[in-house]
C-alpha atoms as a PDB file:
ATOM      1  CA  UNK A   1       2.945  -9.076 -27.508  1.00  0.00           C
ATOM      2  CA  UNK A   2       3.364  -8.089 -23.885  1.00  0.00           C
ATOM      3  CA  UNK A   3       0.631  -7.875 -21.328  1.00  0.00           C
ATOM      4  CA  UNK A   4       0.431  -4.862 -19.075  1.00  0.00           C
ATOM      5  CA  UNK A   5       0.769  -5.943 -15.477  1.00  0.00           C
ATOM      6  CA  UNK A   6      -1.491  -4.018 -13.135  1.00  0.00           C
ATOM      7  CA  UNK A   7       0.489  -2.489 -10.312  1.00  0.00           C
ATOM      8  CA  UNK A   8      -1.196  -1.693  -7.018  1.00  0.00           C
ATOM      9  CA  UNK A   9      -0.844   1.742  -5.480  1.00  0.00           C
ATOM     10  CA  UNK A  10       1.172   0.206  -2.628  1.00  0.00           C
ATOM     11  CA  UNK A  11       3.642  -1.252  -5.142  1.00  0.00           C
ATOM     12  CA  UNK A  12       3.932   2.113  -6.885  1.00  0.00           C
ATOM     13  CA  UNK A  13       4.814   3.720  -3.552  1.00  0.00           C
ATOM     14  CA  UNK A  14       7.462   1.098  -2.811  1.00  0.00           C
ATOM     15  CA  UNK A  15       8.993   1.507  -6.275  1.00  0.00           C
ATOM     16  CA  UNK A  16       9.229   5.285  -5.978  1.00  0.00           C
ATOM     17  CA  UNK A  17      12.342   6.736  -4.367  1.00  0.00           C
ATOM     18  CA  UNK A  18      10.588  10.087  -3.985  1.00  0.00           C
ATOM     19  CA  UNK A  19       7.522   8.604  -2.272  1.00  0.00           C
ATOM     20  CA  UNK A  20       9.727   6.634   0.103  1.00  0.00           C
ATOM     21  CA  UNK A  21      11.793   9.748   0.879  1.00  0.00           C
ATOM     22  CA  UNK A  22       8.574  11.655   1.595  1.00  0.00           C
ATOM     23  CA  UNK A  23       7.378   8.924   3.959  1.00  0.00           C
ATOM     24  CA  UNK A  24      10.717   8.857   5.734  1.00  0.00           C
ATOM     25  CA  UNK A  25      10.647  12.639   6.147  1.00  0.00           C
ATOM     26  CA  UNK A  26       7.132  12.878   7.541  1.00  0.00           C
ATOM     27  CA  UNK A  27       7.743   9.931   9.872  1.00  0.00           C
ATOM     28  CA  UNK A  28      10.907  11.499  11.272  1.00  0.00           C
ATOM     29  CA  UNK A  29       9.163  14.791  12.080  1.00  0.00           C
ATOM     30  CA  UNK A  30       6.778  15.180  14.967  1.00  0.00           C
ATOM     31  CA  UNK A  31       4.474  17.607  13.182  1.00  0.00           C
ATOM     32  CA  UNK A  32       2.504  17.914   9.950  1.00  0.00           C
ATOM     33  CA  UNK A  33       4.538  19.411   7.099  1.00  0.00           C
ATOM     34  CA  UNK A  34       3.696  21.436   3.976  1.00  0.00           C
ATOM     35  CA  UNK A  35       4.777  20.185   0.571  1.00  0.00           C
ATOM     36  CA  UNK A  36       7.322  22.990   0.231  1.00  0.00           C
ATOM     37  CA  UNK A  37       9.153  21.910   3.411  1.00  0.00           C
ATOM     38  CA  UNK A  38       9.087  18.246   2.385  1.00  0.00           C
ATOM     39  CA  UNK A  39      10.451  19.147  -1.061  1.00  0.00           C
ATOM     40  CA  UNK A  40      13.283  21.152   0.485  1.00  0.00           C
ATOM     41  CA  UNK A  41      14.203  18.378   2.918  1.00  0.00           C
ATOM     42  CA  UNK A  42      14.336  15.635   0.287  1.00  0.00           C
ATOM     43  CA  UNK A  43      15.981  17.810  -2.361  1.00  0.00           C
ATOM     44  CA  UNK A  44      13.148  17.655  -4.847  1.00  0.00           C
ATOM     45  CA  UNK A  45      10.811  20.205  -6.394  1.00  0.00           C
ATOM     46  CA  UNK A  46       7.295  21.158  -5.357  1.00  0.00           C
ATOM     47  CA  UNK A  47       5.528  19.691  -8.412  1.00  0.00           C
ATOM     48  CA  UNK A  48       7.213  16.295  -8.053  1.00  0.00           C
ATOM     49  CA  UNK A  49       6.461  16.093  -4.330  1.00  0.00           C
ATOM     50  CA  UNK A  50       2.834  17.155  -4.880  1.00  0.00           C
ATOM     51  CA  UNK A  51       2.422  14.377  -7.473  1.00  0.00           C
ATOM     52  CA  UNK A  52       3.797  11.789  -5.053  1.00  0.00           C
ATOM     53  CA  UNK A  53       1.711  13.139  -2.158  1.00  0.00           C
ATOM     54  CA  UNK A  54      -1.397  12.374  -4.216  1.00  0.00           C
ATOM     55  CA  UNK A  55      -0.102   8.816  -4.654  1.00  0.00           C
ATOM     56  CA  UNK A  56       0.517   8.521  -0.900  1.00  0.00           C
ATOM     57  CA  UNK A  57      -2.977   9.873  -0.190  1.00  0.00           C
ATOM     58  CA  UNK A  58      -4.466   7.335  -2.613  1.00  0.00           C
ATOM     59  CA  UNK A  59      -2.584   4.580  -0.776  1.00  0.00           C
ATOM     60  CA  UNK A  60      -4.027   5.952   2.496  1.00  0.00           C
ATOM     61  CA  UNK A  61      -0.528   6.432   3.932  1.00  0.00           C
ATOM     62  CA  UNK A  62      -0.790  10.165   4.629  1.00  0.00           C
ATOM     63  CA  UNK A  63      -3.495  12.411   5.993  1.00  0.00           C
ATOM     64  CA  UNK A  64      -4.207  15.975   4.994  1.00  0.00           C
ATOM     65  CA  UNK A  65      -4.388  18.540   7.768  1.00  0.00           C
ATOM     66  CA  UNK A  66      -5.913  21.897   6.875  1.00  0.00           C
ATOM     67  CA  UNK A  67      -4.385  24.675   8.949  1.00  0.00           C
ATOM     68  CA  UNK A  68      -5.948  27.941   7.891  1.00  0.00           C
ATOM     69  CA  UNK A  69      -5.074  28.356   4.228  1.00  0.00           C
ATOM     70  CA  UNK A  70      -2.176  25.898   4.449  1.00  0.00           C
ATOM     71  CA  UNK A  71      -2.366  22.233   3.578  1.00  0.00           C
ATOM     72  CA  UNK A  72      -0.130  20.061   5.714  1.00  0.00           C
ATOM     73  CA  UNK A  73       0.569  16.337   5.610  1.00  0.00           C
ATOM     74  CA  UNK A  74       1.197  13.783   8.310  1.00  0.00           C
ATOM     75  CA  UNK A  75       1.409   9.982   8.429  1.00  0.00           C
ATOM     76  CA  UNK A  76      -1.883   8.109   8.668  1.00  0.00           C
ATOM     77  CA  UNK A  77      -1.204   6.264  11.913  1.00  0.00           C
ATOM     78  CA  UNK A  78      -4.375   4.179  11.412  1.00  0.00           C
ATOM     79  CA  UNK A  79      -2.716   2.430   8.471  1.00  0.00           C
ATOM     80  CA  UNK A  80      -0.725  -0.618   9.621  1.00  0.00           C
ATOM     81  CA  UNK A  81       1.802  -0.069   6.826  1.00  0.00           C
ATOM     82  CA  UNK A  82       2.889   3.172   8.502  1.00  0.00           C
ATOM     83  CA  UNK A  83       3.827   1.397  11.725  1.00  0.00           C
ATOM     84  CA  UNK A  84       5.597  -1.329   9.726  1.00  0.00           C
ATOM     85  CA  UNK A  85       7.577   1.273   7.780  1.00  0.00           C
ATOM     86  CA  UNK A  86       8.414   3.142  11.011  1.00  0.00           C
ATOM     87  CA  UNK A  87       9.694  -0.119  12.547  1.00  0.00           C
ATOM     88  CA  UNK A  88      11.744  -0.776   9.409  1.00  0.00           C
ATOM     89  CA  UNK A  89      13.298   2.705   9.555  1.00  0.00           C
ATOM     90  CA  UNK A  90      14.173   2.303  13.230  1.00  0.00           C
ATOM     91  CA  UNK A  91      15.707  -1.130  12.662  1.00  0.00           C
ATOM     92  CA  UNK A  92      17.640   0.019   9.597  1.00  0.00           C
ATOM     93  CA  UNK A  93      19.077   3.144  11.226  1.00  0.00           C
ATOM     94  CA  UNK A  94      19.784   1.505  14.581  1.00  0.00           C
ATOM     95  CA  UNK A  95      23.441   1.555  15.547  1.00  0.00           C
ATOM     96  CA  UNK A  96      24.920  -1.876  16.270  1.00  0.00           C
END
Protein backbone atom coordinates (compact mmCIF):
# COMPACT_ATOMS: atom_id res chain seq x y z
CA UNK A 1 0.00 0.00 0.00
CA UNK A 2 1.53 3.29 -1.04
CA UNK A 3 0.79 6.65 0.46
CA UNK A 4 0.14 9.59 -1.81
CA UNK A 5 2.71 12.27 -1.16
CA UNK A 6 1.27 15.76 -1.31
CA UNK A 7 3.20 17.91 -3.73
CA UNK A 8 3.23 21.68 -3.33
CA UNK A 9 2.39 23.91 -6.27
CA UNK A 10 5.99 25.16 -6.29
CA UNK A 11 7.25 21.57 -6.64
CA UNK A 12 4.80 20.94 -9.48
CA UNK A 13 6.18 23.99 -11.29
CA UNK A 14 9.77 22.82 -10.84
CA UNK A 15 8.91 19.33 -12.09
CA UNK A 16 7.20 20.63 -15.23
CA UNK A 17 9.36 21.26 -18.28
CA UNK A 18 6.55 23.27 -19.86
CA UNK A 19 6.07 25.51 -16.82
CA UNK A 20 9.80 26.14 -16.61
CA UNK A 21 9.94 26.95 -20.34
CA UNK A 22 7.06 29.39 -19.88
CA UNK A 23 8.84 31.10 -16.99
CA UNK A 24 12.05 31.33 -18.98
CA UNK A 25 10.19 32.85 -21.93
CA UNK A 26 8.32 35.50 -19.97
CA UNK A 27 11.45 36.41 -18.01
CA UNK A 28 13.48 36.88 -21.19
CA UNK A 29 10.92 39.24 -22.73
CA UNK A 30 10.48 42.80 -21.58
CA UNK A 31 6.72 42.86 -22.09
CA UNK A 32 3.62 40.89 -21.13
CA UNK A 33 2.83 38.07 -23.55
CA UNK A 34 -0.36 36.27 -24.64
CA UNK A 35 -0.62 32.51 -24.30
CA UNK A 36 -0.52 32.06 -28.08
CA UNK A 37 2.87 33.81 -28.35
CA UNK A 38 4.28 31.84 -25.41
CA UNK A 39 3.05 28.58 -26.95
CA UNK A 40 4.69 29.43 -30.27
CA UNK A 41 8.00 30.36 -28.64
CA UNK A 42 8.27 27.20 -26.55
CA UNK A 43 6.95 24.90 -29.27
CA UNK A 44 3.86 23.79 -27.41
CA UNK A 45 0.13 24.10 -28.00
CA UNK A 46 -2.30 26.65 -26.61
CA UNK A 47 -4.23 24.24 -24.36
CA UNK A 48 -1.08 22.88 -22.71
CA UNK A 49 0.33 26.36 -22.09
CA UNK A 50 -3.01 27.61 -20.71
CA UNK A 51 -3.08 24.67 -18.26
CA UNK A 52 0.44 25.48 -17.06
CA UNK A 53 -0.31 29.22 -16.85
CA UNK A 54 -3.05 28.40 -14.34
CA UNK A 55 -0.47 26.45 -12.32
CA UNK A 56 1.95 29.40 -12.47
CA UNK A 57 -0.83 31.78 -11.40
CA UNK A 58 -1.69 29.48 -8.48
CA UNK A 59 1.98 29.53 -7.45
CA UNK A 60 1.85 33.36 -7.66
CA UNK A 61 4.71 33.39 -10.18
CA UNK A 62 2.88 35.22 -12.97
CA UNK A 63 0.48 38.13 -13.10
CA UNK A 64 -2.40 38.59 -15.48
CA UNK A 65 -2.54 41.85 -17.41
CA UNK A 66 -5.82 42.66 -19.13
CA UNK A 67 -5.23 44.71 -22.26
CA UNK A 68 -8.57 45.37 -23.89
CA UNK A 69 -9.98 41.96 -24.75
CA UNK A 70 -6.56 40.29 -24.58
CA UNK A 71 -5.17 38.51 -21.56
CA UNK A 72 -1.42 38.86 -21.21
CA UNK A 73 1.00 37.39 -18.69
CA UNK A 74 4.12 38.74 -17.06
CA UNK A 75 6.35 37.63 -14.18
CA UNK A 76 5.20 38.55 -10.68
CA UNK A 77 8.24 40.57 -9.64
CA UNK A 78 6.92 40.74 -6.05
CA UNK A 79 7.56 37.01 -5.68
CA UNK A 80 11.12 36.33 -4.49
CA UNK A 81 11.20 33.08 -6.46
CA UNK A 82 11.04 35.08 -9.70
CA UNK A 83 14.21 37.00 -8.87
CA UNK A 84 15.91 33.76 -7.79
CA UNK A 85 14.93 32.07 -11.06
CA UNK A 86 16.10 35.12 -13.05
CA UNK A 87 19.47 34.99 -11.26
CA UNK A 88 19.70 31.26 -11.99
CA UNK A 89 18.99 31.83 -15.69
CA UNK A 90 21.60 34.57 -15.91
CA UNK A 91 24.21 32.46 -14.13
CA UNK A 92 23.43 29.38 -16.22
CA UNK A 93 23.55 31.17 -19.57
CA UNK A 94 26.56 33.34 -18.71
CA UNK A 95 29.53 32.78 -20.99
CA UNK A 96 32.73 31.81 -19.18
